[in-house]
């Protein structure tokens, strides 16, 4: 058991040292250029027209999984080490989970652009 504890401490120490060493400096942050990509640049008209409705559009969107706080009943049932995650759609392709309203807005934006 002590070997495992030592391994965990070493892992955390090395991880924190690595994260401190790799944090960007102000000069490197200034060099980063922000580029906003419009959704129509990621989803072509040809691809969009293959979706028969917004539901199919959402079903075919990339999936994103996030970790959320465990509920007390989850902890009671599975123990204190339980990890809870949610998987959802990334309709606007920004790497974050989108709610239904956001997915609908993206679909309508593409629908108007491509004159469906």
N, C-alpha and C. Protein backbone atom coordinates (compact mmCIF):
# COMPACT_ATOMS: atom_id res chain seq x y z
N UNK A 1 0.81 -1.20 0.00
CA UNK A 1 0.00 0.00 0.00
C UNK A 1 0.86 1.26 0.00
N UNK A 2 1.98 1.23 0.75
CA UNK A 2 2.86 2.39 0.80
C UNK A 2 3.48 2.66 -0.56
N UNK A 3 3.75 1.62 -1.32
CA UNK A 3 4.33 1.79 -2.65
C UNK A 3 3.34 2.55 -3.54
N UNK A 4 2.09 2.20 -3.45
CA UNK A 4 1.07 2.87 -4.25
C UNK A 4 0.95 4.33 -3.82
N UNK A 5 0.96 4.59 -2.51
CA UNK A 5 0.88 5.96 -2.04
C UNK A 5 2.07 6.79 -2.52
N UNK A 6 3.26 6.22 -2.47
CA UNK A 6 4.44 6.94 -2.95
C UNK A 6 4.34 7.20 -4.45
N UNK A 7 3.85 6.23 -5.18
CA UNK A 7 3.69 6.41 -6.63
C UNK A 7 2.72 7.55 -6.92
N UNK A 8 1.63 7.60 -6.17
CA UNK A 8 0.63 8.65 -6.38
C UNK A 8 1.23 10.02 -6.08
N UNK A 9 1.98 10.13 -4.98
CA UNK A 9 2.60 11.41 -4.64
C UNK A 9 3.61 11.84 -5.70
N UNK A 10 4.39 10.91 -6.17
CA UNK A 10 5.37 11.23 -7.23
C UNK A 10 4.64 11.68 -8.48
N UNK A 11 3.57 11.00 -8.81
CA UNK A 11 2.78 11.37 -9.99
C UNK A 11 2.26 12.80 -9.87
N UNK A 12 1.69 13.15 -8.71
CA UNK A 12 1.17 14.50 -8.51
C UNK A 12 2.28 15.54 -8.52
N UNK A 13 3.41 15.23 -7.90
CA UNK A 13 4.52 16.18 -7.88
C UNK A 13 5.07 16.43 -9.27
N UNK A 14 5.25 15.37 -10.04
CA UNK A 14 5.74 15.53 -11.40
C UNK A 14 4.72 16.25 -12.27
N UNK A 15 3.46 15.93 -12.08
CA UNK A 15 2.41 16.58 -12.85
C UNK A 15 2.34 18.07 -12.57
N UNK A 16 2.45 18.46 -11.30
CA UNK A 16 2.40 19.89 -10.97
C UNK A 16 3.65 20.59 -11.46
N UNK A 17 4.81 19.95 -11.39
CA UNK A 17 6.04 20.56 -11.90
C UNK A 17 5.95 20.75 -13.41
N UNK A 18 5.38 19.78 -14.10
CA UNK A 18 5.24 19.88 -15.56
C UNK A 18 4.28 20.99 -15.94
N UNK A 19 3.17 21.11 -15.21
CA UNK A 19 2.20 22.15 -15.56
C UNK A 19 2.76 23.54 -15.31
N UNK A 20 3.57 23.71 -14.28
CA UNK A 20 4.20 25.01 -14.03
C UNK A 20 5.21 25.32 -15.12
N UNK A 21 5.96 24.31 -15.54
CA UNK A 21 7.00 24.53 -16.54
C UNK A 21 6.43 24.80 -17.92
N UNK A 22 5.20 24.36 -18.19
CA UNK A 22 4.65 24.53 -19.54
C UNK A 22 3.62 25.65 -19.64
N UNK A 23 3.42 26.41 -18.58
CA UNK A 23 2.47 27.52 -18.67
C UNK A 23 3.01 28.57 -19.63
N UNK A 24 2.16 29.09 -20.50
CA UNK A 24 2.64 30.07 -21.47
C UNK A 24 3.00 31.38 -20.79
N UNK A 25 4.02 32.02 -21.31
CA UNK A 25 4.41 33.32 -20.79
C UNK A 25 3.61 34.39 -21.50
N UNK A 26 3.67 35.59 -20.98
CA UNK A 26 2.91 36.68 -21.59
C UNK A 26 3.33 36.91 -23.03
N UNK A 27 4.63 36.78 -23.31
CA UNK A 27 5.10 37.02 -24.68
C UNK A 27 4.56 35.97 -25.65
N UNK A 28 4.43 34.70 -25.21
CA UNK A 28 3.87 33.69 -26.11
C UNK A 28 2.37 33.86 -26.25
N UNK A 29 1.71 34.34 -25.21
CA UNK A 29 0.27 34.58 -25.30
C UNK A 29 -0.04 35.69 -26.29
N UNK A 30 0.83 36.70 -26.36
CA UNK A 30 0.61 37.80 -27.29
C UNK A 30 0.77 37.36 -28.73
N UNK A 31 1.54 36.31 -28.96
CA UNK A 31 1.79 35.84 -30.31
C UNK A 31 0.65 34.98 -30.86
N UNK A 32 -0.21 34.48 -29.95
CA UNK A 32 -1.31 33.63 -30.37
C UNK A 32 -2.36 34.50 -31.05
N UNK A 33 -2.74 34.10 -32.26
CA UNK A 33 -3.74 34.85 -33.01
C UNK A 33 -5.06 34.11 -32.90
N UNK A 34 -6.08 34.83 -32.47
CA UNK A 34 -7.40 34.23 -32.34
C UNK A 34 -8.07 34.21 -33.71
N UNK A 35 -8.50 33.02 -34.11
CA UNK A 35 -9.21 32.91 -35.38
C UNK A 35 -10.55 32.26 -35.12
N UNK A 36 -11.59 32.95 -35.50
CA UNK A 36 -12.93 32.42 -35.33
C UNK A 36 -13.36 31.79 -36.64
N UNK A 37 -13.75 30.54 -36.57
CA UNK A 37 -14.18 29.81 -37.75
C UNK A 37 -15.70 29.79 -37.77
N UNK A 38 -16.26 30.19 -38.87
CA UNK A 38 -17.72 30.15 -39.02
C UNK A 38 -18.16 28.71 -39.27
N UNK A 39 -19.34 28.37 -38.79
CA UNK A 39 -19.85 27.00 -38.88
C UNK A 39 -19.97 26.53 -40.32
N UNK A 40 -20.31 27.42 -41.24
CA UNK A 40 -20.45 27.01 -42.63
C UNK A 40 -19.11 26.62 -43.25
N UNK A 41 -18.01 27.02 -42.61
CA UNK A 41 -16.69 26.61 -43.08
C UNK A 41 -16.38 25.17 -42.65
N UNK A 42 -17.10 24.69 -41.65
CA UNK A 42 -16.87 23.33 -41.14
C UNK A 42 -17.87 22.32 -41.68
N UNK A 43 -19.06 22.80 -42.04
CA UNK A 43 -20.11 21.91 -42.55
C UNK A 43 -20.50 22.42 -43.94
N UNK A 44 -20.18 21.65 -44.94
CA UNK A 44 -20.47 22.05 -46.32
C UNK A 44 -21.96 21.94 -46.61
N UNK A 45 -22.38 22.60 -47.68
CA UNK A 45 -23.77 22.51 -48.11
C UNK A 45 -24.11 21.07 -48.45
N UNK A 46 -23.19 20.39 -49.10
CA UNK A 46 -23.42 19.00 -49.48
C UNK A 46 -23.67 18.14 -48.24
N UNK A 47 -22.85 18.32 -47.20
CA UNK A 47 -23.05 17.55 -45.97
C UNK A 47 -24.36 17.94 -45.29
N UNK A 48 -24.63 19.24 -45.21
CA UNK A 48 -25.84 19.71 -44.53
C UNK A 48 -27.11 19.16 -45.19
N UNK A 49 -27.12 19.09 -46.49
CA UNK A 49 -28.31 18.62 -47.20
C UNK A 49 -28.58 17.13 -46.99
N UNK A 50 -27.61 16.39 -46.43
CA UNK A 50 -27.85 14.97 -46.14
C UNK A 50 -28.71 14.78 -44.89
N UNK A 51 -28.84 15.81 -44.06
CA UNK A 51 -29.64 15.71 -42.84
C UNK A 51 -31.09 16.03 -43.15
N UNK A 52 -32.00 15.14 -42.78
CA UNK A 52 -33.42 15.36 -43.10
C UNK A 52 -34.09 16.34 -42.14
N UNK A 53 -33.53 16.48 -40.91
CA UNK A 53 -34.09 17.42 -39.94
C UNK A 53 -33.05 17.72 -38.85
N UNK A 54 -33.42 18.57 -37.91
CA UNK A 54 -32.50 18.98 -36.86
C UNK A 54 -32.10 17.80 -35.97
N UNK A 55 -33.01 16.86 -35.76
CA UNK A 55 -32.69 15.68 -34.95
C UNK A 55 -31.57 14.87 -35.56
N UNK A 56 -31.63 14.67 -36.85
CA UNK A 56 -30.57 13.92 -37.53
C UNK A 56 -29.26 14.70 -37.52
N UNK A 57 -29.35 16.03 -37.65
CA UNK A 57 -28.17 16.89 -37.56
C UNK A 57 -27.48 16.71 -36.21
N UNK A 58 -28.28 16.74 -35.14
CA UNK A 58 -27.73 16.57 -33.78
C UNK A 58 -27.16 15.17 -33.61
N UNK A 59 -27.85 14.16 -34.10
CA UNK A 59 -27.37 12.77 -33.98
C UNK A 59 -26.01 12.57 -34.64
N UNK A 60 -25.75 13.28 -35.73
CA UNK A 60 -24.49 13.11 -36.46
C UNK A 60 -23.40 14.09 -36.04
N UNK A 61 -23.71 14.97 -35.10
CA UNK A 61 -22.71 15.91 -34.60
C UNK A 61 -21.67 15.15 -33.77
N UNK A 62 -20.42 15.66 -33.72
CA UNK A 62 -19.41 15.02 -32.87
C UNK A 62 -19.88 14.98 -31.42
N UNK A 63 -19.45 13.97 -30.69
CA UNK A 63 -19.85 13.82 -29.29
C UNK A 63 -18.75 14.33 -28.37
N UNK A 64 -19.16 14.93 -27.25
CA UNK A 64 -18.25 15.47 -26.26
C UNK A 64 -18.66 14.88 -24.91
N UNK A 65 -17.68 14.47 -24.12
CA UNK A 65 -17.96 13.94 -22.78
C UNK A 65 -17.33 14.87 -21.75
N UNK A 66 -18.12 15.23 -20.75
CA UNK A 66 -17.63 16.07 -19.66
C UNK A 66 -17.83 15.35 -18.34
N UNK A 67 -17.01 15.69 -17.35
CA UNK A 67 -17.15 15.14 -16.01
C UNK A 67 -17.94 16.14 -15.19
N UNK A 68 -18.94 15.65 -14.49
CA UNK A 68 -19.80 16.50 -13.65
C UNK A 68 -19.72 16.03 -12.20
N UNK A 69 -20.13 16.89 -11.31
CA UNK A 69 -20.12 16.56 -9.88
C UNK A 69 -21.08 15.42 -9.61
N UNK A 70 -20.62 14.45 -8.85
CA UNK A 70 -21.46 13.31 -8.48
C UNK A 70 -22.52 13.74 -7.48
N UNK A 71 -23.70 13.20 -7.63
CA UNK A 71 -24.81 13.48 -6.72
C UNK A 71 -24.63 12.66 -5.44
N UNK A 72 -25.17 13.13 -4.33
CA UNK A 72 -25.05 12.38 -3.07
C UNK A 72 -25.56 10.94 -3.18
N UNK A 73 -26.65 10.73 -3.94
CA UNK A 73 -27.17 9.36 -4.08
C UNK A 73 -26.21 8.47 -4.88
N UNK A 74 -25.46 9.05 -5.83
CA UNK A 74 -24.45 8.28 -6.56
C UNK A 74 -23.32 7.86 -5.63
N UNK A 75 -22.90 8.80 -4.79
CA UNK A 75 -21.81 8.51 -3.84
C UNK A 75 -22.27 7.46 -2.84
N UNK A 76 -23.52 7.55 -2.39
CA UNK A 76 -24.05 6.57 -1.44
C UNK A 76 -24.10 5.18 -2.06
N UNK A 77 -24.46 5.11 -3.34
CA UNK A 77 -24.61 3.81 -4.00
C UNK A 77 -23.27 3.22 -4.45
N UNK A 78 -22.37 4.06 -5.00
CA UNK A 78 -21.13 3.55 -5.61
C UNK A 78 -19.87 3.85 -4.82
N UNK A 79 -19.95 4.69 -3.80
CA UNK A 79 -18.78 5.02 -3.00
C UNK A 79 -18.21 6.39 -3.35
N UNK A 80 -17.24 6.83 -2.54
CA UNK A 80 -16.71 8.19 -2.68
C UNK A 80 -15.85 8.38 -3.93
N UNK A 81 -15.41 7.33 -4.55
CA UNK A 81 -14.56 7.45 -5.74
C UNK A 81 -15.32 7.50 -7.05
N UNK A 82 -16.65 7.59 -7.00
CA UNK A 82 -17.45 7.55 -8.22
C UNK A 82 -17.21 8.80 -9.06
N UNK A 83 -17.14 8.61 -10.36
CA UNK A 83 -16.99 9.70 -11.32
C UNK A 83 -18.20 9.67 -12.23
N UNK A 84 -18.83 10.81 -12.40
CA UNK A 84 -20.03 10.89 -13.22
C UNK A 84 -19.70 11.72 -14.47
N UNK A 85 -20.14 11.22 -15.61
CA UNK A 85 -19.88 11.96 -16.85
C UNK A 85 -21.15 12.06 -17.68
N UNK A 86 -21.18 13.07 -18.53
CA UNK A 86 -22.28 13.27 -19.46
C UNK A 86 -21.70 13.35 -20.86
N UNK A 87 -22.39 12.76 -21.81
CA UNK A 87 -21.97 12.84 -23.21
C UNK A 87 -23.07 13.53 -23.99
N UNK A 88 -22.67 14.50 -24.78
CA UNK A 88 -23.63 15.25 -25.58
C UNK A 88 -23.04 15.63 -26.91
N UNK A 89 -23.78 16.41 -27.67
CA UNK A 89 -23.38 16.79 -29.02
C UNK A 89 -22.65 18.12 -29.04
N UNK A 90 -21.73 18.25 -29.98
CA UNK A 90 -20.99 19.49 -30.22
C UNK A 90 -21.42 20.01 -31.59
N UNK A 91 -22.58 20.63 -31.64
CA UNK A 91 -23.17 21.04 -32.91
C UNK A 91 -22.40 22.14 -33.62
N UNK A 92 -21.75 23.03 -32.87
CA UNK A 92 -21.02 24.12 -33.51
C UNK A 92 -19.53 23.83 -33.67
N UNK A 93 -19.12 22.61 -33.33
CA UNK A 93 -17.75 22.12 -33.55
C UNK A 93 -16.69 22.94 -32.83
N UNK A 94 -17.02 23.42 -31.62
CA UNK A 94 -16.05 24.20 -30.86
C UNK A 94 -15.40 23.41 -29.73
N UNK A 95 -15.73 22.13 -29.61
CA UNK A 95 -15.12 21.28 -28.60
C UNK A 95 -15.86 21.25 -27.28
N UNK A 96 -16.97 21.98 -27.18
CA UNK A 96 -17.76 22.01 -25.96
C UNK A 96 -19.16 21.46 -26.21
N UNK A 97 -19.73 20.84 -25.16
CA UNK A 97 -21.07 20.27 -25.29
C UNK A 97 -22.09 21.38 -25.46
N UNK A 98 -22.99 21.20 -26.40
CA UNK A 98 -24.03 22.20 -26.67
C UNK A 98 -25.39 21.70 -26.20
N UNK A 99 -26.20 22.64 -25.72
CA UNK A 99 -27.56 22.27 -25.33
C UNK A 99 -28.46 22.27 -26.57
N UNK A 100 -29.70 21.86 -26.38
CA UNK A 100 -30.62 21.72 -27.50
C UNK A 100 -30.86 23.05 -28.21
N UNK A 101 -30.96 24.14 -27.44
CA UNK A 101 -31.19 25.46 -28.04
C UNK A 101 -30.02 25.87 -28.95
N UNK A 102 -28.81 25.60 -28.51
CA UNK A 102 -27.63 25.95 -29.32
C UNK A 102 -27.62 25.12 -30.60
N UNK A 103 -27.90 23.83 -30.50
CA UNK A 103 -27.93 22.97 -31.69
C UNK A 103 -29.00 23.43 -32.67
N UNK A 104 -30.16 23.80 -32.15
CA UNK A 104 -31.22 24.31 -33.02
C UNK A 104 -30.79 25.59 -33.71
N UNK A 105 -30.12 26.49 -32.99
CA UNK A 105 -29.66 27.75 -33.56
C UNK A 105 -28.64 27.51 -34.67
N UNK A 106 -27.72 26.58 -34.47
CA UNK A 106 -26.72 26.25 -35.49
C UNK A 106 -27.41 25.69 -36.73
N UNK A 107 -28.36 24.80 -36.51
CA UNK A 107 -29.08 24.19 -37.63
C UNK A 107 -29.82 25.26 -38.44
N UNK A 108 -30.51 26.17 -37.75
CA UNK A 108 -31.26 27.23 -38.44
C UNK A 108 -30.31 28.14 -39.21
N UNK A 109 -29.17 28.46 -38.60
CA UNK A 109 -28.18 29.31 -39.27
C UNK A 109 -27.71 28.66 -40.57
N UNK A 110 -27.43 27.37 -40.53
CA UNK A 110 -27.01 26.66 -41.74
C UNK A 110 -28.17 26.54 -42.73
N UNK A 111 -29.37 26.31 -42.22
CA UNK A 111 -30.54 26.18 -43.07
C UNK A 111 -30.79 27.47 -43.87
N UNK A 112 -30.65 28.61 -43.18
CA UNK A 112 -30.82 29.90 -43.85
C UNK A 112 -29.69 30.14 -44.85
N UNK A 113 -28.47 29.84 -44.47
CA UNK A 113 -27.32 30.07 -45.35
C UNK A 113 -27.42 29.24 -46.62
N UNK A 114 -27.81 27.99 -46.48
CA UNK A 114 -27.84 27.09 -47.64
C UNK A 114 -29.20 27.07 -48.33
N UNK A 115 -30.12 27.95 -47.91
CA UNK A 115 -31.43 28.11 -48.58
C UNK A 115 -32.13 26.78 -48.80
N UNK A 116 -32.22 26.01 -47.77
CA UNK A 116 -32.80 24.67 -47.89
C UNK A 116 -34.21 24.68 -48.30
